[in-house]
Amino acid sequence: MKARNKYQEKIVELSHRLPAPTNKQMEYAKSHIFPLLAYRNKKKVTMFASD
């Protein structure tokens, strides 16, 4: 991210202080935050989820 104003510069500066996410946090994000967009059935055909 390229900071374009003082507020964004502060965000970039503070973001470098954050620790790396743990494996437990990454697993939670994968299972709870990101939606399932596609899956494969028994015949190995990719099916896309629709809203």
N, C-alpha and C. Protein backbone atom coordinates (compact mmCIF):
# COMPACT_ATOMS: atom_id res chain seq x y z
N MET A 1 0.85 -1.17 0.00
CA MET A 1 0.00 0.00 0.00
C MET A 1 0.89 1.23 0.00
N LYS A 2 0.60 2.15 -0.87
CA LYS A 2 1.32 3.41 -0.91
C LYS A 2 0.49 4.45 -0.17
N ALA A 3 1.06 5.02 0.88
CA ALA A 3 0.35 6.02 1.66
C ALA A 3 0.21 7.32 0.87
N ARG A 4 -1.00 7.84 0.86
CA ARG A 4 -1.27 9.06 0.10
C ARG A 4 -1.57 10.27 0.98
N ASN A 5 -1.78 10.06 2.27
CA ASN A 5 -1.98 11.18 3.19
C ASN A 5 -1.43 10.80 4.56
N LYS A 6 -1.50 11.73 5.52
CA LYS A 6 -0.90 11.49 6.84
C LYS A 6 -1.58 10.33 7.57
N TYR A 7 -2.89 10.21 7.42
CA TYR A 7 -3.62 9.13 8.06
C TYR A 7 -3.13 7.78 7.55
N GLN A 8 -2.98 7.63 6.24
CA GLN A 8 -2.51 6.38 5.66
C GLN A 8 -1.05 6.12 6.02
N GLU A 9 -0.25 7.15 6.13
CA GLU A 9 1.15 6.98 6.55
C GLU A 9 1.21 6.39 7.95
N LYS A 10 0.34 6.86 8.83
CA LYS A 10 0.30 6.35 10.20
C LYS A 10 -0.13 4.87 10.20
N ILE A 11 -1.11 4.54 9.36
CA ILE A 11 -1.57 3.14 9.26
C ILE A 11 -0.43 2.23 8.82
N VAL A 12 0.31 2.66 7.80
CA VAL A 12 1.42 1.85 7.28
C VAL A 12 2.50 1.70 8.35
N GLU A 13 2.78 2.77 9.06
CA GLU A 13 3.79 2.73 10.11
C GLU A 13 3.39 1.75 11.22
N LEU A 14 2.14 1.80 11.63
CA LEU A 14 1.67 0.92 12.70
C LEU A 14 1.53 -0.52 12.24
N SER A 15 1.25 -0.73 10.97
CA SER A 15 1.07 -2.10 10.48
C SER A 15 2.36 -2.91 10.56
N HIS A 16 3.50 -2.23 10.54
CA HIS A 16 4.78 -2.94 10.63
C HIS A 16 5.04 -3.44 12.05
N ARG A 17 4.30 -2.92 13.02
CA ARG A 17 4.46 -3.35 14.41
C ARG A 17 3.64 -4.60 14.72
N LEU A 18 2.69 -4.94 13.88
CA LEU A 18 1.84 -6.09 14.14
C LEU A 18 2.62 -7.39 14.00
N PRO A 19 2.36 -8.34 14.89
CA PRO A 19 3.01 -9.65 14.75
C PRO A 19 2.38 -10.43 13.60
N ALA A 20 3.09 -11.40 13.09
CA ALA A 20 2.56 -12.25 12.02
C ALA A 20 1.41 -13.08 12.59
N PRO A 21 0.38 -13.36 11.77
CA PRO A 21 -0.74 -14.17 12.28
C PRO A 21 -0.29 -15.60 12.59
N THR A 22 -0.86 -16.16 13.64
CA THR A 22 -0.53 -17.52 14.04
C THR A 22 -1.27 -18.51 13.14
N ASN A 23 -0.86 -19.78 13.21
CA ASN A 23 -1.54 -20.82 12.43
C ASN A 23 -3.01 -20.95 12.84
N LYS A 24 -3.28 -20.81 14.13
CA LYS A 24 -4.65 -20.90 14.62
C LYS A 24 -5.51 -19.77 14.03
N GLN A 25 -4.96 -18.56 13.96
CA GLN A 25 -5.67 -17.43 13.38
C GLN A 25 -5.91 -17.64 11.88
N MET A 26 -4.93 -18.20 11.19
CA MET A 26 -5.08 -18.44 9.76
C MET A 26 -6.17 -19.49 9.49
N GLU A 27 -6.20 -20.54 10.30
CA GLU A 27 -7.23 -21.58 10.14
C GLU A 27 -8.62 -21.01 10.40
N TYR A 28 -8.73 -20.16 11.42
CA TYR A 28 -10.02 -19.53 11.72
C TYR A 28 -10.47 -18.67 10.54
N ALA A 29 -9.56 -17.90 9.99
CA ALA A 29 -9.90 -17.04 8.85
C ALA A 29 -10.36 -17.86 7.66
N LYS A 30 -9.67 -18.95 7.38
CA LYS A 30 -10.04 -19.80 6.25
C LYS A 30 -11.42 -20.41 6.43
N SER A 31 -11.75 -20.80 7.65
CA SER A 31 -13.01 -21.50 7.88
C SER A 31 -14.19 -20.57 8.17
N HIS A 32 -13.96 -19.36 8.67
CA HIS A 32 -15.06 -18.49 9.07
C HIS A 32 -15.21 -17.21 8.24
N ILE A 33 -14.14 -16.72 7.68
CA ILE A 33 -14.21 -15.41 7.03
C ILE A 33 -14.36 -15.51 5.52
N PHE A 34 -13.55 -16.34 4.90
CA PHE A 34 -13.58 -16.43 3.45
C PHE A 34 -14.69 -17.37 2.99
N PRO A 35 -15.54 -16.92 2.07
CA PRO A 35 -16.65 -17.78 1.63
C PRO A 35 -16.17 -18.90 0.70
N LEU A 36 -16.95 -19.97 0.67
CA LEU A 36 -16.67 -21.07 -0.24
C LEU A 36 -17.21 -20.68 -1.61
N LEU A 37 -16.34 -20.56 -2.58
CA LEU A 37 -16.75 -20.12 -3.91
C LEU A 37 -16.96 -21.28 -4.87
N ALA A 38 -16.26 -22.36 -4.65
CA ALA A 38 -16.38 -23.51 -5.56
C ALA A 38 -16.04 -24.79 -4.79
N TYR A 39 -16.54 -25.90 -5.32
CA TYR A 39 -16.22 -27.19 -4.74
C TYR A 39 -16.22 -28.23 -5.84
N ARG A 40 -15.65 -29.39 -5.55
CA ARG A 40 -15.57 -30.47 -6.51
C ARG A 40 -16.44 -31.63 -6.06
N ASN A 41 -17.22 -32.19 -6.96
CA ASN A 41 -18.07 -33.32 -6.61
C ASN A 41 -17.34 -34.64 -6.84
N LYS A 42 -18.05 -35.77 -6.67
CA LYS A 42 -17.41 -37.09 -6.81
C LYS A 42 -16.80 -37.32 -8.18
N LYS A 43 -17.40 -36.76 -9.19
CA LYS A 43 -16.90 -36.94 -10.56
C LYS A 43 -15.82 -35.93 -10.90
N LYS A 44 -15.35 -35.23 -9.91
CA LYS A 44 -14.28 -34.24 -10.05
C LYS A 44 -14.66 -33.10 -10.99
N VAL A 45 -15.92 -32.74 -10.95
CA VAL A 45 -16.41 -31.60 -11.73
C VAL A 45 -16.46 -30.41 -10.78
N THR A 46 -15.89 -29.30 -11.16
CA THR A 46 -15.89 -28.12 -10.33
C THR A 46 -17.22 -27.42 -10.42
N MET A 47 -17.85 -27.21 -9.27
CA MET A 47 -19.15 -26.54 -9.20
C MET A 47 -18.93 -25.19 -8.53
N PHE A 48 -19.50 -24.13 -9.06
CA PHE A 48 -19.38 -22.81 -8.48
C PHE A 48 -20.65 -22.47 -7.72
N ALA A 49 -20.46 -21.94 -6.52
CA ALA A 49 -21.61 -21.56 -5.70
C ALA A 49 -22.22 -20.29 -6.25
N SER A 50 -23.53 -20.21 -6.23
CA SER A 50 -24.21 -19.01 -6.71
C SER A 50 -24.97 -18.37 -5.56
N ASP A 51 -25.13 -17.07 -5.64
CA ASP A 51 -25.85 -16.34 -4.59
C ASP A 51 -27.31 -16.28 -4.88
